[in-house]
Amino acid sequence: MTASKLNIRSGASTSTKVVGYYTKGQVLDIIGQTGSFYKTSRGYIHSGYTKK
C-alpha cells in the first residue's frame, strides 16, 4: 500500500464506517473487489492506494 495510513471501511464506499487502519508498508491479501474497492480480511480499502 502506498498511503501512510489507509482507512479500512465496513463497505465498498467512502460513506461507510471506518473500522480500522492499515499502515504504509503492510502487505495485504486481497480476497475480492467491488468497483474501485478491494476486500481484505478486515474490510474494504480503496484500490487507488495500493500497488501490486
Protein backbone atom coordinates (compact mmCIF):
# COMPACT_ATOMS: atom_id res chain seq x y z
CA MET A 1 0.00 0.00 0.00
CA THR A 2 1.17 3.49 -0.75
CA ALA A 3 -0.63 5.71 1.79
CA SER A 4 0.92 6.33 5.22
CA LYS A 5 -2.41 5.39 6.83
CA LEU A 6 -5.25 3.76 4.90
CA ASN A 7 -8.83 3.54 6.16
CA ILE A 8 -10.44 0.13 6.36
CA ARG A 9 -14.16 0.52 5.73
CA SER A 10 -17.16 -1.65 6.53
CA GLY A 11 -18.37 -1.46 2.92
CA ALA A 12 -17.19 -0.57 -0.57
CA SER A 13 -17.88 3.16 -0.30
CA THR A 14 -16.24 6.24 1.22
CA SER A 15 -19.51 6.91 3.06
CA THR A 16 -19.33 3.68 5.08
CA LYS A 17 -17.94 3.49 8.61
CA VAL A 18 -14.16 3.34 9.17
CA VAL A 19 -13.45 0.16 11.14
CA GLY A 20 -9.64 0.33 11.30
CA TYR A 21 -6.44 1.30 9.51
CA TYR A 22 -3.54 -0.22 7.63
CA THR A 23 -0.15 1.48 7.72
CA LYS A 24 2.34 2.03 4.92
CA GLY A 25 4.41 -0.99 4.01
CA GLN A 26 1.92 -3.61 5.19
CA VAL A 27 1.34 -6.49 2.79
CA LEU A 28 -2.35 -7.25 2.32
CA ASP A 29 -4.21 -10.25 0.98
CA ILE A 30 -6.95 -9.13 -1.42
CA ILE A 31 -9.90 -11.53 -1.37
CA GLY A 32 -12.29 -9.70 -3.67
CA GLN A 33 -13.14 -6.47 -5.49
CA THR A 34 -16.22 -4.26 -5.69
CA GLY A 35 -15.81 -1.37 -8.09
CA SER A 36 -12.72 0.60 -7.03
CA PHE A 37 -12.55 -1.10 -3.61
CA TYR A 38 -10.63 -4.21 -2.62
CA LYS A 39 -11.96 -6.55 0.05
CA THR A 40 -9.48 -7.69 2.72
CA SER A 41 -9.94 -9.91 5.75
CA ARG A 42 -10.60 -6.79 7.85
CA GLY A 43 -12.86 -4.81 5.49
CA TYR A 44 -12.65 -2.71 2.32
CA ILE A 45 -9.85 -0.42 1.10
CA HIS A 46 -9.70 1.89 -1.91
CA SER A 47 -7.64 0.36 -4.72
CA GLY A 48 -6.08 3.73 -5.60
CA TYR A 49 -3.79 3.49 -2.56
CA THR A 50 -2.36 0.07 -3.34
CA LYS A 51 0.16 -1.38 -5.75
CA LYS A 52 0.74 -4.92 -6.93
